[in-house]
Amino acid sequence: MIKKKELLSGKVIEALKNLSSKDMNRFAIFVESPYFNKKEILIQFLAILQKYHPKFDNPKFTSEKAFDHLFKNEKFDGKKINLLKSELNKLLEKFLSIEQLEKSTDLKNELLLKALDEKRLDKQFRDEMSKFKTDLNKSKNKNADHFYKLFAIDRLEYMFEVNRKGRLTEDSKLSSVIQGLDRYYLVEKMRFACTSLNRQGSISNKVQQNDLLLSFLLDYLKSQAETEVPILQLYYNLYQLLNSEIESNFDQEKLYYEKLKSS
């Protein structure tokens, strides 16, 4: 009995199904680039796959057909096809990572600063650092992401100075990093505390009761009429609102929200 040939399948095939035609074409250009891929056979393999994208359900789409096209006059060897799928999948993962990186200006900035530091391009590092800090300070959206970016930039600047000056690095640089980390962590702490409280589940309640740091933070915010990080006060009021059966804090919540938007 002749065994029925199965359709070409695998992790990379499933991943390619989710790419749009535009993304598939961009991936093909990526694979054709000698910087990322030096194997001509992978370019040919992807060209075969493109013919059957996105459903890959054509009866002709089999491992044997692909093998005959790529390895003419050779006896079928499934291991060779599996190896091609594995190598193509690695390229796809790299492609997706780079595509995502292109969407993240902040991450690109951070990686650029790391590269400039590593290559000891000091003047360019300081110029780029100054530009990034200026852009961050102009930002009106002072949320957790904003404070993480400030922390990340300060940390890179501190490490740059340590690599150049060692113990002679100013204490103010380290203090700035610690303060930035605290701000980011506390804002995230309050954000997730509000999320947890909003769930109103038994697990959530246990987490709240056993969280000593949250208790200290709530007591501190309660004692502060104003803070230098307005969003912390916003989250505090939201937390109090969620923790209450009445809506008496709504006006205050709105007030801090408007203040946050204009900061």
Protein backbone atom coordinates (compact mmCIF):
# COMPACT_ATOMS: atom_id res chain seq x y z
CA MET A 1 0.00 0.00 0.00
CA ILE A 2 1.41 3.39 -1.01
CA LYS A 3 1.75 5.71 1.96
CA LYS A 4 -0.11 8.97 1.53
CA LYS A 5 2.22 11.95 1.43
CA GLU A 6 1.57 14.42 4.23
CA LEU A 7 1.54 18.17 3.88
CA LEU A 8 4.69 20.01 4.88
CA SER A 9 4.18 21.11 8.47
CA GLY A 10 6.02 22.30 11.56
CA LYS A 11 6.58 25.28 13.85
CA VAL A 12 7.84 27.60 11.13
CA ILE A 13 4.87 26.78 8.87
CA GLU A 14 2.41 27.60 11.66
CA ALA A 15 4.24 30.86 12.34
CA LEU A 16 4.25 31.85 8.67
CA LYS A 17 0.48 31.36 8.50
CA ASN A 18 0.13 34.36 10.80
CA LEU A 19 2.20 36.68 8.63
CA SER A 20 0.41 39.05 6.29
CA SER A 21 1.42 39.11 2.63
CA LYS A 22 3.34 42.31 3.33
CA ASP A 23 5.21 40.74 6.25
CA MET A 24 5.92 37.63 4.19
CA ASN A 25 7.48 39.75 1.46
CA ARG A 26 9.56 41.64 4.01
CA PHE A 27 10.70 38.35 5.50
CA ALA A 28 11.77 37.18 2.05
CA ILE A 29 13.88 40.33 1.64
CA PHE A 30 15.34 39.67 5.09
CA VAL A 31 16.29 36.09 4.19
CA GLU A 32 17.83 37.27 0.91
CA SER A 33 20.13 39.64 2.79
CA PRO A 34 23.66 38.16 3.08
CA TYR A 35 24.05 39.99 6.40
CA PHE A 36 21.46 37.69 7.98
CA ASN A 37 21.63 34.60 5.77
CA LYS A 38 24.40 33.16 3.65
CA LYS A 39 22.62 29.96 2.57
CA GLU A 40 21.10 30.14 -0.89
CA ILE A 41 19.05 27.00 -0.23
CA LEU A 42 17.08 28.78 2.50
CA ILE A 43 16.14 31.49 0.01
CA GLN A 44 14.93 28.79 -2.37
CA PHE A 45 13.07 26.99 0.41
CA LEU A 46 11.23 30.14 1.44
CA ALA A 47 10.36 30.84 -2.20
CA ILE A 48 8.60 27.47 -2.29
CA LEU A 49 6.72 28.24 0.92
CA GLN A 50 5.62 31.64 -0.38
CA LYS A 51 3.72 29.99 -3.22
CA TYR A 52 1.40 28.32 -0.71
CA HIS A 53 1.11 31.15 1.83
CA PRO A 54 -0.99 31.74 3.90
CA LYS A 55 -3.03 28.53 4.16
CA PHE A 56 -0.38 25.99 3.13
CA ASP A 57 -3.13 23.48 2.37
CA ASN A 58 -2.45 22.70 -1.29
CA PRO A 59 -2.06 18.91 -1.88
CA LYS A 60 1.22 19.64 -3.67
CA PHE A 61 2.64 21.21 -0.52
CA THR A 62 4.55 18.18 0.73
CA SER A 63 8.02 17.54 2.10
CA GLU A 64 8.74 15.25 -0.83
CA LYS A 65 7.83 17.92 -3.40
CA ALA A 66 9.98 20.51 -1.63
CA PHE A 67 12.86 18.05 -1.38
CA ASP A 68 12.69 17.14 -5.09
CA HIS A 69 12.84 20.83 -5.99
CA LEU A 70 15.76 21.62 -3.68
CA PHE A 71 17.79 18.43 -3.93
CA LYS A 72 17.34 17.23 -7.49
CA ASN A 73 18.24 13.59 -8.21
CA GLU A 74 18.73 12.81 -4.51
CA LYS A 75 16.82 10.22 -2.48
CA PHE A 76 14.30 11.82 -0.13
CA ASP A 77 15.74 12.60 3.29
CA GLY A 78 13.28 14.05 5.78
CA LYS A 79 16.10 15.15 8.08
CA LYS A 80 17.32 17.63 5.47
CA ILE A 81 13.87 19.21 5.23
CA ASN A 82 13.59 19.35 9.03
CA LEU A 83 16.96 21.08 9.23
CA LEU A 84 15.85 23.67 6.68
CA LYS A 85 12.66 24.30 8.65
CA SER A 86 14.66 24.73 11.84
CA GLU A 87 17.11 27.17 10.25
CA LEU A 88 14.33 29.13 8.59
CA ASN A 89 12.48 29.34 11.91
CA LYS A 90 15.57 30.85 13.57
CA LEU A 91 15.69 33.47 10.82
CA LEU A 92 11.99 34.15 11.30
CA GLU A 93 12.47 34.68 15.03
CA LYS A 94 15.32 37.09 14.34
CA PHE A 95 13.18 38.89 11.75
CA LEU A 96 10.29 39.28 14.19
CA SER A 97 12.65 40.56 16.89
CA ILE A 98 14.08 43.20 14.57
CA GLU A 99 10.61 44.20 13.35
CA GLN A 100 9.55 44.68 16.98
CA LEU A 101 12.72 46.63 17.73
CA GLU A 102 11.93 49.00 14.88
CA LYS A 103 8.67 49.87 16.65
CA SER A 104 10.41 50.66 19.94
CA THR A 105 12.30 53.93 19.74
CA ASP A 106 13.17 53.83 23.45
CA LEU A 107 14.69 50.37 23.27
CA LYS A 108 16.68 51.36 20.19
CA ASN A 109 17.96 54.42 22.04
CA GLU A 110 19.00 52.28 25.00
CA LEU A 111 20.82 49.79 22.79
CA LEU A 112 22.52 52.59 20.88
CA LEU A 113 23.86 54.06 24.12
CA LYS A 114 25.14 50.65 25.20
CA ALA A 115 26.92 50.23 21.86
CA LEU A 116 28.47 53.69 22.01
CA ASP A 117 29.70 53.00 25.54
CA GLU A 118 31.10 49.61 24.55
CA LYS A 119 32.94 51.10 21.56
CA ARG A 120 34.15 53.98 23.76
CA LEU A 121 32.64 56.59 21.47
CA ASP A 122 32.40 59.03 24.37
CA LYS A 123 31.44 62.24 22.59
CA GLN A 124 28.65 60.54 20.65
CA PHE A 125 27.47 58.86 23.84
CA ARG A 126 27.20 62.18 25.69
CA ASP A 127 25.50 63.88 22.72
CA GLU A 128 22.91 61.12 22.38
CA MET A 129 22.40 60.95 26.14
CA SER A 130 21.71 64.68 26.27
CA LYS A 131 19.23 64.42 23.39
CA PHE A 132 17.36 61.47 24.91
CA LYS A 133 17.10 63.19 28.31
CA THR A 134 15.75 66.35 26.69
CA ASP A 135 13.10 64.37 24.84
CA LEU A 136 12.08 62.52 28.01
CA ASN A 137 11.79 65.72 30.02
CA LYS A 138 9.46 67.13 27.37
CA SER A 139 7.12 64.17 27.69
CA LYS A 140 3.72 64.99 29.14
CA ASN A 141 2.81 61.38 29.89
CA LYS A 142 4.42 60.78 33.28
CA ASN A 143 3.34 57.15 33.70
CA ALA A 144 5.30 54.07 34.81
CA ASP A 145 6.86 53.65 31.36
CA HIS A 146 8.15 57.21 31.54
CA PHE A 147 9.84 56.59 34.89
CA TYR A 148 11.33 53.33 33.63
CA LYS A 149 12.87 55.18 30.68
CA LEU A 150 14.36 57.79 33.02
CA PHE A 151 15.76 55.06 35.24
CA ALA A 152 17.22 53.14 32.28
CA ILE A 153 18.90 56.27 30.89
CA ASP A 154 20.31 57.24 34.31
CA ARG A 155 21.61 53.72 34.83
CA LEU A 156 23.39 53.75 31.46
CA GLU A 157 24.91 57.14 32.25
CA TYR A 158 26.08 55.92 35.65
CA MET A 159 27.69 52.78 34.19
CA PHE A 160 29.34 54.91 31.50
CA GLU A 161 30.87 57.14 34.18
CA VAL A 162 31.97 54.14 36.27
CA ASN A 163 33.68 52.60 33.25
CA ARG A 164 35.57 55.87 32.71
CA LYS A 165 36.18 57.15 36.24
CA GLY A 166 35.72 54.16 38.54
CA ARG A 167 35.45 55.23 42.20
CA LEU A 168 35.75 58.88 41.18
CA THR A 169 32.20 58.78 39.76
CA GLU A 170 30.04 61.43 41.46
CA ASP A 171 27.71 60.15 44.19
CA SER A 172 24.92 62.19 42.61
CA LYS A 173 24.95 59.84 39.60
CA LEU A 174 24.31 56.82 41.80
CA SER A 175 21.68 58.70 43.81
CA SER A 176 19.88 59.57 40.59
CA VAL A 177 19.79 55.89 39.56
CA ILE A 178 18.45 54.79 42.96
CA GLN A 179 15.82 57.54 42.98
CA GLY A 180 14.78 56.64 39.44
CA LEU A 181 14.43 52.98 40.34
CA ASP A 182 12.33 53.87 43.40
CA ARG A 183 9.99 56.05 41.38
CA TYR A 184 9.48 53.44 38.70
CA TYR A 185 8.96 50.62 41.19
CA LEU A 186 6.53 52.57 43.39
CA VAL A 187 4.40 53.70 40.46
CA GLU A 188 4.23 50.12 39.17
CA LYS A 189 3.55 48.90 42.71
CA MET A 190 0.52 51.15 43.03
CA ARG A 191 -0.68 50.37 39.52
CA PHE A 192 -0.72 46.63 40.14
CA ALA A 193 -2.14 47.12 43.64
CA CYS A 194 -5.12 48.88 42.07
CA THR A 195 -5.45 46.13 39.47
CA SER A 196 -5.31 43.47 42.16
CA LEU A 197 -7.86 45.25 44.33
CA ASN A 198 -10.16 45.70 41.35
CA ARG A 199 -10.26 41.93 40.86
CA GLN A 200 -11.77 41.52 44.34
CA GLY A 201 -10.78 37.85 44.53
CA SER A 202 -9.75 35.90 47.63
CA ILE A 203 -6.21 35.49 46.30
CA SER A 204 -6.05 39.22 45.64
CA ASN A 205 -7.15 40.00 49.19
CA LYS A 206 -4.49 37.70 50.66
CA VAL A 207 -1.84 39.40 48.58
CA GLN A 208 -2.96 42.82 49.82
CA GLN A 209 -3.02 41.75 53.48
CA ASN A 210 0.48 40.25 53.40
CA ASP A 211 2.05 43.13 51.48
CA LEU A 212 3.92 45.15 54.13
CA LEU A 213 5.58 47.42 51.57
CA LEU A 214 2.20 48.37 50.14
CA SER A 215 0.99 49.23 53.65
CA PHE A 216 3.97 51.50 54.22
CA LEU A 217 3.49 53.12 50.81
CA LEU A 218 -0.21 53.76 51.44
CA ASP A 219 0.56 55.33 54.83
CA TYR A 220 3.19 57.55 53.25
CA LEU A 221 0.90 58.72 50.44
CA LYS A 222 -1.89 59.35 52.92
CA SER A 223 0.38 61.78 54.80
CA GLN A 224 1.35 63.68 51.65
CA ALA A 225 -0.90 66.46 50.37
CA GLU A 226 1.32 66.66 47.27
CA THR A 227 4.05 64.44 45.83
CA GLU A 228 6.69 65.13 43.20
CA VAL A 229 5.24 62.17 41.30
CA PRO A 230 1.56 63.10 40.78
CA ILE A 231 0.63 59.72 39.31
CA LEU A 232 1.39 58.10 42.68
CA GLN A 233 -1.27 60.27 44.28
CA LEU A 234 -3.61 59.41 41.43
CA TYR A 235 -3.14 55.70 42.07
CA TYR A 236 -3.54 56.26 45.82
CA ASN A 237 -6.91 57.95 45.30
CA LEU A 238 -7.95 55.23 42.87
CA TYR A 239 -6.93 52.59 45.40
CA GLN A 240 -8.99 54.31 48.12
CA LEU A 241 -11.93 54.57 45.75
CA LEU A 242 -11.75 50.87 44.88
CA ASN A 243 -11.39 50.01 48.55
CA SER A 244 -14.53 51.92 49.47
CA GLU A 245 -18.21 51.23 48.92
CA ILE A 246 -18.93 54.90 48.28
CA GLU A 247 -17.80 57.19 45.49
CA SER A 248 -16.86 60.22 47.58
CA ASN A 249 -13.33 60.25 46.17
CA PHE A 250 -14.42 60.64 42.56
CA ASP A 251 -14.01 64.42 42.40
CA GLN A 252 -10.54 64.21 43.91
CA GLU A 253 -9.70 61.42 41.48
CA LYS A 254 -10.78 63.59 38.56
CA LEU A 255 -8.77 66.52 39.91
CA TYR A 256 -5.54 64.51 40.05
CA TYR A 257 -6.24 63.01 36.65
CA GLU A 258 -6.54 66.47 35.11
CA LYS A 259 -3.39 67.57 36.92
CA LEU A 260 -1.56 64.52 35.58
CA LYS A 261 -2.66 65.25 32.01
CA SER A 262 -1.34 68.82 32.20
CA SER A 263 1.96 67.94 33.92
